[in-house]
C-alpha atoms as a PDB file:
ATOM      1  CA  MET A   1     -17.437 -14.045  45.516  1.00  0.00           C
ATOM      2  CA  ILE A   2     -21.173 -14.165  45.909  1.00  0.00           C
ATOM      3  CA  ASP A   3     -23.091 -11.127  46.566  1.00  0.00           C
ATOM      4  CA  PHE A   4     -25.700 -11.216  49.405  1.00  0.00           C
ATOM      5  CA  PRO A   5     -28.208  -8.472  48.986  1.00  0.00           C
ATOM      6  CA  GLN A   6     -29.905  -8.857  52.162  1.00  0.00           C
ATOM      7  CA  ASN A   7     -26.859  -7.694  54.072  1.00  0.00           C
ATOM      8  CA  ASN A   8     -25.077  -5.974  51.248  1.00  0.00           C
ATOM      9  CA  VAL A   9     -21.926  -8.015  51.715  1.00  0.00           C
ATOM     10  CA  SER A  10     -19.907 -10.353  49.438  1.00  0.00           C
ATOM     11  CA  LEU A  11     -19.163 -13.844  50.609  1.00  0.00           C
ATOM     12  CA  LYS A  12     -17.258 -16.663  49.298  1.00  0.00           C
ATOM     13  CA  TRP A  13     -19.464 -19.550  48.002  1.00  0.00           C
ATOM     14  CA  ASP A  14     -18.101 -22.091  50.636  1.00  0.00           C
ATOM     15  CA  THR A  15     -18.796 -19.516  53.439  1.00  0.00           C
ATOM     16  CA  ARG A  16     -22.222 -18.984  52.351  1.00  0.00           C
ATOM     17  CA  GLN A  17     -22.876 -22.644  52.043  1.00  0.00           C
ATOM     18  CA  ARG A  18     -21.750 -22.969  55.600  1.00  0.00           C
ATOM     19  CA  LEU A  19     -23.970 -19.997  56.840  1.00  0.00           C
ATOM     20  CA  ALA A  20     -27.101 -21.388  54.934  1.00  0.00           C
ATOM     21  CA  LEU A  21     -26.454 -24.810  56.368  1.00  0.00           C
ATOM     22  CA  LEU A  22     -26.220 -23.205  59.903  1.00  0.00           C
ATOM     23  CA  GLU A  23     -29.318 -21.219  59.392  1.00  0.00           C
ATOM     24  CA  ALA A  24     -31.297 -24.207  57.904  1.00  0.00           C
ATOM     25  CA  THR A  25     -30.483 -26.427  60.760  1.00  0.00           C
ATOM     26  CA  ALA A  26     -31.483 -23.748  63.169  1.00  0.00           C
ATOM     27  CA  LEU A  27     -34.689 -22.987  61.328  1.00  0.00           C
ATOM     28  CA  TRP A  28     -35.726 -26.709  60.684  1.00  0.00           C
ATOM     29  CA  GLU A  29     -34.181 -28.800  63.411  1.00  0.00           C
ATOM     30  CA  GLY A  30     -34.652 -26.187  66.211  1.00  0.00           C
ATOM     31  CA  ARG A  31     -31.071 -25.958  67.290  1.00  0.00           C
ATOM     32  CA  VAL A  32     -27.576 -25.992  65.834  1.00  0.00           C
ATOM     33  CA  THR A  33     -24.053 -26.477  67.101  1.00  0.00           C
ATOM     34  CA  THR A  34     -20.616 -26.094  65.846  1.00  0.00           C
ATOM     35  CA  VAL A  35     -20.290 -29.973  65.360  1.00  0.00           C
ATOM     36  CA  SER A  36     -22.993 -29.451  62.561  1.00  0.00           C
ATOM     37  CA  LEU A  37     -20.484 -27.457  60.552  1.00  0.00           C
ATOM     38  CA  ILE A  38     -17.492 -29.396  61.537  1.00  0.00           C
ATOM     39  CA  GLN A  39     -18.924 -32.766  60.544  1.00  0.00           C
ATOM     40  CA  LEU A  40     -20.409 -31.802  57.255  1.00  0.00           C
ATOM     41  CA  PHE A  41     -17.809 -29.373  55.790  1.00  0.00           C
ATOM     42  CA  GLY A  42     -14.767 -31.043  57.617  1.00  0.00           C
ATOM     43  CA  ILE A  43     -13.591 -27.781  59.024  1.00  0.00           C
ATOM     44  CA  SER A  44     -11.857 -26.944  62.262  1.00  0.00           C
ATOM     45  CA  ARG A  45     -13.613 -25.912  65.439  1.00  0.00           C
ATOM     46  CA  GLY A  46     -11.937 -22.550  65.137  1.00  0.00           C
ATOM     47  CA  GLN A  47     -13.323 -22.013  61.641  1.00  0.00           C
ATOM     48  CA  ALA A  48     -16.725 -23.200  62.742  1.00  0.00           C
ATOM     49  CA  SER A  49     -16.729 -20.563  65.742  1.00  0.00           C
ATOM     50  CA  LYS A  50     -15.592 -17.940  63.101  1.00  0.00           C
ATOM     51  CA  ASP A  51     -18.753 -18.799  61.026  1.00  0.00           C
ATOM     52  CA  PHE A  52     -21.053 -18.502  63.875  1.00  0.00           C
ATOM     53  CA  SER A  53     -19.518 -15.009  64.581  1.00  0.00           C
ATOM     54  CA  LEU A  54     -20.048 -13.906  61.193  1.00  0.00           C
ATOM     55  CA  TYR A  55     -23.583 -15.233  61.165  1.00  0.00           C
ATOM     56  CA  HIS A  56     -24.300 -13.293  64.395  1.00  0.00           C
ATOM     57  CA  GLN A  57     -22.907 -10.109  62.610  1.00  0.00           C
ATOM     58  CA  LEU A  58     -25.066 -10.691  59.453  1.00  0.00           C
ATOM     59  CA  ALA A  59     -28.245 -11.953  61.185  1.00  0.00           C
ATOM     60  CA  ALA A  60     -28.031 -10.099  64.674  1.00  0.00           C
ATOM     61  CA  GLY A  61     -30.595 -11.555  67.201  1.00  0.00           C
ATOM     62  CA  ASN A  62     -31.612 -14.646  65.218  1.00  0.00           C
ATOM     63  CA  LEU A  63     -29.844 -17.140  67.460  1.00  0.00           C
ATOM     64  CA  VAL A  64     -29.681 -17.555  71.256  1.00  0.00           C
ATOM     65  CA  TYR A  65     -27.035 -19.615  73.009  1.00  0.00           C
ATOM     66  CA  ASP A  66     -28.141 -22.158  75.519  1.00  0.00           C
ATOM     67  CA  ARG A  67     -25.177 -23.032  77.907  1.00  0.00           C
ATOM     68  CA  ASN A  68     -27.008 -26.276  79.368  1.00  0.00           C
ATOM     69  CA  HIS A  69     -27.488 -27.706  75.854  1.00  0.00           C
ATOM     70  CA  LYS A  70     -24.292 -26.160  74.324  1.00  0.00           C
ATOM     71  CA  ALA A  71     -26.269 -25.155  71.373  1.00  0.00           C
ATOM     72  CA  TYR A  72     -27.822 -22.233  69.607  1.00  0.00           C
ATOM     73  CA  PHE A  73     -31.617 -22.018  69.280  1.00  0.00           C
ATOM     74  CA  PRO A  74     -33.787 -19.644  67.024  1.00  0.00           C
ATOM     75  CA  SER A  75     -34.888 -16.593  68.883  1.00  0.00           C
ATOM     76  CA  ASP A  76     -38.629 -15.472  68.929  1.00  0.00           C
ATOM     77  CA  ASP A  77     -37.661 -12.831  66.342  1.00  0.00           C
ATOM     78  CA  PHE A  78     -35.812 -15.157  64.148  1.00  0.00           C
ATOM     79  CA  VAL A  79     -35.914 -13.948  60.350  1.00  0.00           C
ATOM     80  CA  PRO A  80     -34.236 -16.171  57.747  1.00  0.00           C
ATOM     81  CA  ARG A  81     -31.448 -14.336  56.032  1.00  0.00           C
ATOM     82  CA  PHE A  82     -29.814 -17.187  53.976  1.00  0.00           C
ATOM     83  CA  MET A  83     -32.982 -19.269  53.278  1.00  0.00           C
ATOM     84  CA  ARG A  84     -36.419 -18.569  52.259  1.00  0.00           C
ATOM     85  CA  GLY A  85     -37.940 -20.437  55.243  1.00  0.00           C
ATOM     86  CA  THR A  86     -40.786 -22.068  53.117  1.00  0.00           C
ATOM     87  CA  ALA A  87     -42.101 -25.545  53.272  1.00  0.00           C
ATOM     88  CA  ASP A  88     -41.310 -26.025  49.529  1.00  0.00           C
ATOM     89  CA  GLU A  89     -37.699 -25.166  50.155  1.00  0.00           C
ATOM     90  CA  TYR A  90     -37.622 -27.591  53.191  1.00  0.00           C
ATOM     91  CA  PHE A  91     -38.954 -30.483  51.164  1.00  0.00           C
ATOM     92  CA  ARG A  92     -36.475 -29.574  48.299  1.00  0.00           C
ATOM     93  CA  LEU A  93     -33.646 -29.706  50.459  1.00  0.00           C
ATOM     94  CA  VAL A  94     -34.825 -33.005  52.231  1.00  0.00           C
ATOM     95  CA  GLU A  95     -35.072 -34.315  48.626  1.00  0.00           C
ATOM     96  CA  ALA A  96     -31.444 -33.171  47.604  1.00  0.00           C
ATOM     97  CA  GLY A  97     -30.125 -34.555  51.036  1.00  0.00           C
ATOM     98  CA  SER A  98     -31.815 -38.067  50.421  1.00  0.00           C
ATOM     99  CA  LEU A  99     -30.466 -38.218  46.803  1.00  0.00           C
ATOM    100  CA  LEU A 100     -26.991 -36.934  47.252  1.00  0.00           C
ATOM    101  CA  GLY A 101     -26.126 -37.150  50.877  1.00  0.00           C
ATOM    102  CA  GLN A 102     -23.165 -34.883  51.903  1.00  0.00           C
ATOM    103  CA  SER A 103     -22.586 -32.998  48.729  1.00  0.00           C
ATOM    104  CA  VAL A 104     -22.347 -29.588  47.271  1.00  0.00           C
ATOM    105  CA  VAL A 105     -26.110 -29.441  47.473  1.00  0.00           C
ATOM    106  CA  LEU A 106     -27.015 -28.290  50.917  1.00  0.00           C
ATOM    107  CA  PRO A 107     -28.439 -31.213  52.599  1.00  0.00           C
ATOM    108  CA  ILE A 108     -30.845 -31.446  55.545  1.00  0.00           C
ATOM    109  CA  VAL A 109     -31.214 -34.847  57.393  1.00  0.00           C
ATOM    110  CA  PRO A 110     -33.836 -34.666  59.867  1.00  0.00           C
ATOM    111  CA  THR A 111     -33.332 -36.116  63.294  1.00  0.00           C
ATOM    112  CA  GLY A 112     -36.086 -38.173  64.690  1.00  0.00           C
ATOM    113  CA  VAL A 113     -38.419 -37.551  61.919  1.00  0.00           C
ATOM    114  CA  GLY A 114     -39.207 -40.162  59.417  1.00  0.00           C
ATOM    115  CA  VAL A 115     -39.070 -38.994  55.911  1.00  0.00           C
ATOM    116  CA  GLU A 116     -39.870 -41.149  52.657  1.00  0.00           C
ATOM    117  CA  CYS A 117     -39.675 -39.589  49.302  1.00  0.00           C
ATOM    118  CA  LEU A 118     -41.277 -40.961  46.183  1.00  0.00           C
ATOM    119  CA  PHE A 119     -39.623 -40.558  42.905  1.00  0.00           C
ATOM    120  CA  PRO A 120     -40.338 -41.588  39.344  1.00  0.00           C
ATOM    121  CA  PRO A 121     -38.282 -44.559  37.964  1.00  0.00           C
ATOM    122  CA  GLU A 122     -34.860 -43.302  36.934  1.00  0.00           C
ATOM    123  CA  ARG A 123     -34.321 -42.548  33.358  1.00  0.00           C
ATOM    124  CA  LYS A 124     -31.578 -43.916  31.383  1.00  0.00           C
ATOM    125  CA  LEU A 125     -28.977 -40.882  30.798  1.00  0.00           C
ATOM    126  CA  ASP A 126     -25.376 -40.861  29.879  1.00  0.00           C
ATOM    127  CA  PHE A 127     -23.579 -38.529  32.225  1.00  0.00           C
ATOM    128  CA  ARG A 128     -21.696 -37.198  29.268  1.00  0.00           C
ATOM    129  CA  VAL A 129     -24.845 -36.153  27.566  1.00  0.00           C
ATOM    130  CA  LEU A 130     -26.002 -34.050  30.458  1.00  0.00           C
ATOM    131  CA  ARG A 131     -22.641 -32.567  31.056  1.00  0.00           C
ATOM    132  CA  LEU A 132     -22.126 -31.404  27.505  1.00  0.00           C
ATOM    133  CA  ILE A 133     -25.812 -29.986  27.252  1.00  0.00           C
ATOM    134  CA  HIS A 134     -25.312 -28.299  30.574  1.00  0.00           C
ATOM    135  CA  GLN A 135     -22.149 -26.651  29.090  1.00  0.00           C
ATOM    136  CA  SER A 136     -24.067 -25.772  25.927  1.00  0.00           C
ATOM    137  CA  ILE A 137     -26.628 -23.883  27.987  1.00  0.00           C
ATOM    138  CA  ARG A 138     -24.074 -22.241  30.094  1.00  0.00           C
ATOM    139  CA  GLU A 139     -22.030 -21.076  27.364  1.00  0.00           C
ATOM    140  CA  LYS A 140     -25.068 -20.213  25.124  1.00  0.00           C
ATOM    141  CA  ARG A 141     -23.702 -22.643  22.387  1.00  0.00           C
ATOM    142  CA  GLN A 142     -25.442 -24.948  19.766  1.00  0.00           C
ATOM    143  CA  PHE A 143     -24.765 -28.659  19.989  1.00  0.00           C
ATOM    144  CA  ARG A 144     -25.631 -31.419  17.407  1.00  0.00           C
ATOM    145  CA  ALA A 145     -26.719 -34.841  18.635  1.00  0.00           C
ATOM    146  CA  SER A 146     -29.022 -37.820  17.491  1.00  0.00           C
ATOM    147  CA  TYR A 147     -32.378 -37.742  18.985  1.00  0.00           C
ATOM    148  CA  GLN A 148     -34.937 -40.612  19.272  1.00  0.00           C
ATOM    149  CA  SER A 149     -38.416 -39.126  19.335  1.00  0.00           C
ATOM    150  CA  LEU A 150     -41.549 -41.234  19.597  1.00  0.00           C
ATOM    151  CA  THR A 151     -42.850 -40.404  16.260  1.00  0.00           C
ATOM    152  CA  SER A 152     -39.678 -40.887  13.992  1.00  0.00           C
ATOM    153  CA  PRO A 153     -36.482 -42.743  13.750  1.00  0.00           C
ATOM    154  CA  ALA A 154     -33.318 -41.187  15.382  1.00  0.00           C
ATOM    155  CA  LYS A 155     -32.431 -38.090  13.716  1.00  0.00           C
ATOM    156  CA  LEU A 156     -29.356 -35.679  14.026  1.00  0.00           C
ATOM    157  CA  LEU A 157     -30.607 -32.290  15.281  1.00  0.00           C
ATOM    158  CA  THR A 158     -28.830 -29.052  15.970  1.00  0.00           C
ATOM    159  CA  LEU A 159     -30.270 -27.580  18.964  1.00  0.00           C
ATOM    160  CA  GLU A 160     -29.683 -24.240  20.975  1.00  0.00           C
ATOM    161  CA  PRO A 161     -31.018 -25.033  24.539  1.00  0.00           C
ATOM    162  CA  HIS A 162     -31.776 -22.388  27.284  1.00  0.00           C
ATOM    163  CA  THR A 163     -33.160 -24.312  30.201  1.00  0.00           C
ATOM    164  CA  LEU A 164     -33.284 -27.569  32.054  1.00  0.00           C
ATOM    165  CA  VAL A 165     -36.720 -28.359  33.078  1.00  0.00           C
ATOM    166  CA  PHE A 166     -38.140 -30.963  35.487  1.00  0.00           C
ATOM    167  CA  ASN A 167     -41.707 -31.599  34.837  1.00  0.00           C
ATOM    168  CA  GLY A 168     -42.376 -33.657  37.965  1.00  0.00           C
ATOM    169  CA  PHE A 169     -41.769 -37.072  36.079  1.00  0.00           C
ATOM    170  CA  ARG A 170     -38.598 -36.537  33.992  1.00  0.00           C
ATOM    171  CA  TRP A 171     -36.034 -33.879  32.930  1.00  0.00           C
ATOM    172  CA  HIS A 172     -35.974 -32.218  29.487  1.00  0.00           C
ATOM    173  CA  ILE A 173     -34.308 -29.225  27.821  1.00  0.00           C
ATOM    174  CA  ARG A 174     -36.090 -26.280  26.372  1.00  0.00           C
ATOM    175  CA  ALA A 175     -34.362 -25.593  23.047  1.00  0.00           C
ATOM    176  CA  PHE A 176     -34.558 -24.045  19.502  1.00  0.00           C
ATOM    177  CA  SER A 177     -34.244 -26.666  16.905  1.00  0.00           C
ATOM    178  CA  ARG A 178     -32.687 -25.648  13.581  1.00  0.00           C
ATOM    179  CA  GLU A 179     -34.414 -28.392  11.882  1.00  0.00           C
ATOM    180  CA  HIS A 180     -37.851 -27.657  13.103  1.00  0.00           C
ATOM    181  CA  GLY A 181     -37.601 -23.906  12.900  1.00  0.00           C
ATOM    182  CA  ASP A 182     -38.986 -23.405  16.551  1.00  0.00           C
ATOM    183  CA  TYR A 183     -38.655 -24.127  20.287  1.00  0.00           C
ATOM    184  CA  ARG A 184     -39.440 -27.479  21.531  1.00  0.00           C
ATOM    185  CA  ASP A 185     -38.842 -29.745  24.431  1.00  0.00           C
ATOM    186  CA  PHE A 186     -36.477 -32.854  24.148  1.00  0.00           C
ATOM    187  CA  VAL A 187     -36.270 -35.414  26.840  1.00  0.00           C
ATOM    188  CA  LEU A 188     -32.807 -35.861  28.086  1.00  0.00           C
ATOM    189  CA  ALA A 189     -32.915 -39.711  28.167  1.00  0.00           C
ATOM    190  CA  ARG A 190     -33.729 -39.647  24.506  1.00  0.00           C
ATOM    191  CA  PHE A 191     -30.431 -38.494  23.163  1.00  0.00           C
ATOM    192  CA  VAL A 192     -28.769 -41.420  21.582  1.00  0.00           C
ATOM    193  CA  SER A 193     -25.287 -39.869  20.895  1.00  0.00           C
ATOM    194  CA  ILE A 194     -22.902 -37.733  22.701  1.00  0.00           C
ATOM    195  CA  PRO A 195     -23.617 -34.015  21.939  1.00  0.00           C
ATOM    196  CA  GLU A 196     -21.020 -32.096  19.742  1.00  0.00           C
ATOM    197  CA  LEU A 197     -20.720 -28.544  20.673  1.00  0.00           C
ATOM    198  CA  ASP A 198     -20.725 -26.051  17.984  1.00  0.00           C
ATOM    199  CA  GLY A 199     -20.780 -22.220  17.532  1.00  0.00           C
ATOM    200  CA  SER A 200     -22.813 -19.531  19.422  1.00  0.00           C
ATOM    201  CA  ALA A 201     -26.550 -19.891  19.838  1.00  0.00           C
ATOM    202  CA  ALA A 202     -28.460 -17.310  17.892  1.00  0.00           C
ATOM    203  CA  PHE A 203     -31.690 -18.028  19.652  1.00  0.00           C
ATOM    204  CA  GLY A 204     -32.020 -17.695  23.547  1.00  0.00           C
ATOM    205  CA  VAL A 205     -34.643 -17.675  26.154  1.00  0.00           C
ATOM    206  CA  ASP A 206     -35.665 -14.045  25.537  1.00  0.00           C
ATOM    207  CA  ASP A 207     -36.778 -15.078  21.845  1.00  0.00           C
ATOM    208  CA  ASP A 208     -38.865 -18.020  23.156  1.00  0.00           C
ATOM    209  CA  GLN A 209     -42.415 -16.500  23.205  1.00  0.00           C
ATOM    210  CA  ASP A 210     -44.083 -19.468  24.758  1.00  0.00           C
ATOM    211  CA  TRP A 211     -41.530 -19.409  27.562  1.00  0.00           C
ATOM    212  CA  GLN A 212     -41.928 -15.663  28.145  1.00  0.00           C
ATOM    213  CA  GLN A 213     -45.719 -15.737  28.062  1.00  0.00           C
ATOM    214  CA  ILE A 214     -47.375 -16.291  31.437  1.00  0.00           C
ATOM    215  CA  ASP A 215     -50.795 -17.732  31.370  1.00  0.00           C
ATOM    216  CA  SER A 216     -53.270 -17.607  34.364  1.00  0.00           C
ATOM    217  CA  LEU A 217     -55.163 -20.661  35.283  1.00  0.00           C
ATOM    218  CA  LEU A 218     -58.180 -20.056  37.588  1.00  0.00           C
ATOM    219  CA  LEU A 219     -58.750 -23.020  39.698  1.00  0.00           C
ATOM    220  CA  ALA A 220     -61.461 -23.957  42.224  1.00  0.00           C
ATOM    221  CA  PRO A 221     -62.777 -26.970  44.185  1.00  0.00           C
ATOM    222  CA  HIS A 222     -64.974 -29.333  42.155  1.00  0.00           C
ATOM    223  CA  PRO A 223     -68.476 -28.337  42.367  1.00  0.00           C
ATOM    224  CA  GLY A 224     -69.557 -31.840  42.971  1.00  0.00           C
ATOM    225  CA  LEU A 225     -67.895 -31.789  46.444  1.00  0.00           C
ATOM    226  CA  SER A 226     -70.035 -30.964  49.408  1.00  0.00           C
ATOM    227  CA  PRO A 227     -69.444 -27.368  50.896  1.00  0.00           C
ATOM    228  CA  GLN A 228     -67.435 -28.848  53.654  1.00  0.00           C
ATOM    229  CA  GLN A 229     -65.131 -30.867  51.350  1.00  0.00           C
ATOM    230  CA  GLN A 230     -64.778 -27.767  49.110  1.00  0.00           C
ATOM    231  CA  ALA A 231     -63.630 -25.843  52.035  1.00  0.00           C
ATOM    232  CA  VAL A 232     -61.019 -28.503  52.779  1.00  0.00           C
ATOM    233  CA  ILE A 233     -59.607 -28.558  49.233  1.00  0.00           C
ATOM    234  CA  ALA A 234     -59.598 -24.688  49.143  1.00  0.00           C
ATOM    235  CA  ASP A 235     -57.425 -24.665  52.224  1.00  0.00           C
ATOM    236  CA  ASP A 236     -55.234 -27.374  50.934  1.00  0.00           C
ATOM    237  CA  PHE A 237     -54.470 -25.207  47.835  1.00  0.00           C
ATOM    238  CA  GLY A 238     -54.300 -22.015  49.734  1.00  0.00           C
ATOM    239  CA  MET A 239     -57.185 -20.532  47.752  1.00  0.00           C
ATOM    240  CA  VAL A 240     -58.607 -17.309  48.486  1.00  0.00           C
ATOM    241  CA  ASP A 241     -62.375 -16.923  48.430  1.00  0.00           C
ATOM    242  CA  GLY A 242     -62.425 -20.441  46.969  1.00  0.00           C
ATOM    243  CA  LEU A 243     -60.241 -19.466  43.916  1.00  0.00           C
ATOM    244  CA  LEU A 244     -56.551 -19.912  42.934  1.00  0.00           C
ATOM    245  CA  ASN A 245     -54.979 -18.041  40.161  1.00  0.00           C
ATOM    246  CA  LEU A 246     -52.025 -19.930  39.235  1.00  0.00           C
ATOM    247  CA  GLN A 247     -49.384 -18.368  36.993  1.00  0.00           C
ATOM    248  CA  VAL A 248     -47.584 -20.719  34.545  1.00  0.00           C
ATOM    249  CA  ARG A 249     -45.324 -20.394  31.594  1.00  0.00           C
ATOM    250  CA  ARG A 250     -47.227 -21.184  28.444  1.00  0.00           C
ATOM    251  CA  ALA A 251     -44.439 -23.563  27.405  1.00  0.00           C
ATOM    252  CA  LEU A 252     -44.832 -25.704  30.760  1.00  0.00           C
ATOM    253  CA  LYS A 253     -48.590 -25.198  30.951  1.00  0.00           C
ATOM    254  CA  LEU A 254     -49.550 -28.735  29.723  1.00  0.00           C
ATOM    255  CA  TYR A 255     -46.984 -30.358  32.188  1.00  0.00           C
ATOM    256  CA  VAL A 256     -48.693 -28.283  35.111  1.00  0.00           C
ATOM    257  CA  LEU A 257     -52.231 -29.419  33.922  1.00  0.00           C
ATOM    258  CA  ARG A 258     -51.055 -33.053  33.619  1.00  0.00           C
ATOM    259  CA  MET A 259     -49.509 -32.919  37.105  1.00  0.00           C
ATOM    260  CA  LEU A 260     -52.848 -31.566  38.590  1.00  0.00           C
ATOM    261  CA  HIS A 261     -54.851 -34.041  36.294  1.00  0.00           C
ATOM    262  CA  LEU A 262     -56.633 -31.298  34.450  1.00  0.00           C
ATOM    263  CA  ASP A 263     -55.303 -32.066  31.003  1.00  0.00           C
ATOM    264  CA  THR A 264     -58.666 -33.935  30.564  1.00  0.00           C
ATOM    265  CA  GLU A 265     -61.936 -33.357  32.164  1.00  0.00           C
ATOM    266  CA  HIS A 266     -63.281 -35.677  34.926  1.00  0.00           C
ATOM    267  CA  HIS A 267     -66.828 -35.194  36.187  1.00  0.00           C
ATOM    268  CA  ASP A 268     -66.185 -37.454  39.362  1.00  0.00           C
ATOM    269  CA  PRO A 269     -64.935 -35.281  42.013  1.00  0.00           C
ATOM    270  CA  LYS A 270     -63.409 -38.211  43.648  1.00  0.00           C
ATOM    271  CA  VAL A 271     -61.047 -38.365  40.571  1.00  0.00           C
ATOM    272  CA  GLN A 272     -60.433 -34.566  40.153  1.00  0.00           C
ATOM    273  CA  GLN A 273     -61.041 -32.595  43.372  1.00  0.00           C
ATOM    274  CA  ILE A 274     -60.318 -29.255  41.644  1.00  0.00           C
ATOM    275  CA  VAL A 275     -61.501 -27.727  38.330  1.00  0.00           C
ATOM    276  CA  TRP A 276     -60.070 -25.380  35.716  1.00  0.00           C
ATOM    277  CA  LEU A 277     -62.545 -22.667  35.448  1.00  0.00           C
ATOM    278  CA  ASN A 278     -61.004 -20.586  32.413  1.00  0.00           C
ATOM    279  CA  ARG A 279     -60.450 -23.485  30.393  1.00  0.00           C
ATOM    280  CA  GLU A 280     -62.165 -21.899  27.418  1.00  0.00           C
ATOM    281  CA  VAL A 281     -60.416 -18.701  27.670  1.00  0.00           C
ATOM    282  CA  VAL A 282     -57.012 -20.152  28.199  1.00  0.00           C
ATOM    283  CA  PRO A 283     -56.875 -23.399  26.266  1.00  0.00           C
ATOM    284  CA  ALA A 284     -54.168 -26.120  26.659  1.00  0.00           C
ATOM    285  CA  SER A 285     -51.502 -25.493  24.124  1.00  0.00           C
ATOM    286  CA  GLU A 286     -49.912 -28.252  22.104  1.00  0.00           C
ATOM    287  CA  GLY A 287     -46.387 -29.516  22.395  1.00  0.00           C
ATOM    288  CA  LEU A 288     -45.267 -31.728  25.195  1.00  0.00           C
ATOM    289  CA  SER A 289     -41.718 -33.353  24.933  1.00  0.00           C
ATOM    290  CA  LEU A 290     -40.937 -35.068  21.561  1.00  0.00           C
END
């Protein structure tokens, strides 16, 4: 059962998935019908009707039924109960739908809206590697595997991973390395042998100081831009008074800086439209993926 704190009720996983899809469709598509649930989840019309009744009970007043269209529409007082209702959430759902289609990941397939998602080239990765690393993280266990870094030949490592990370370009794991004696990042595609699970991990996420430490990056529009251009950039990034205080994990800071093209200084505002103001106070730490 899944606890749903907003309504203080427990729901089965599949029920919550259907209610989330119902709400997401109404929120982003502007209307939702029982057919939406029937087609995606392969349920009966009776079950779909029960889901709508349950949604009305848990989110009273969110949906209004239109007899002419035979569909439910969001009310003027609509408040998301199962979704966050943010643009970031929408884009992630669209991405999930485009990659996996009708899957356990809740997809949104926009109707009448062209969507084109750009992705980095797919990295070579044996599914068995990911499955066992995922199991290692879930069960808090060590694993041993041969890893090919850029700086040395393939080497057998004993790792204790705590998190899967997507840095905007590729997936890696954050793990404690017994051989190195500290936490490092290991690209999933560079494991060259199938992991062998071992005993319980002694080091977890709470012991990873760089993961737990949050750094504040103070960002602003490039001073080389005109006042009008700076105002546009500030609005693009949701800055307040021309400043954005971006909170990032120290272990992920270099990835964020690289994503924003702030890992090196550029004096041309056409190349770098924002600047990192507290670069001297919060320097970039070492250690991207091996």
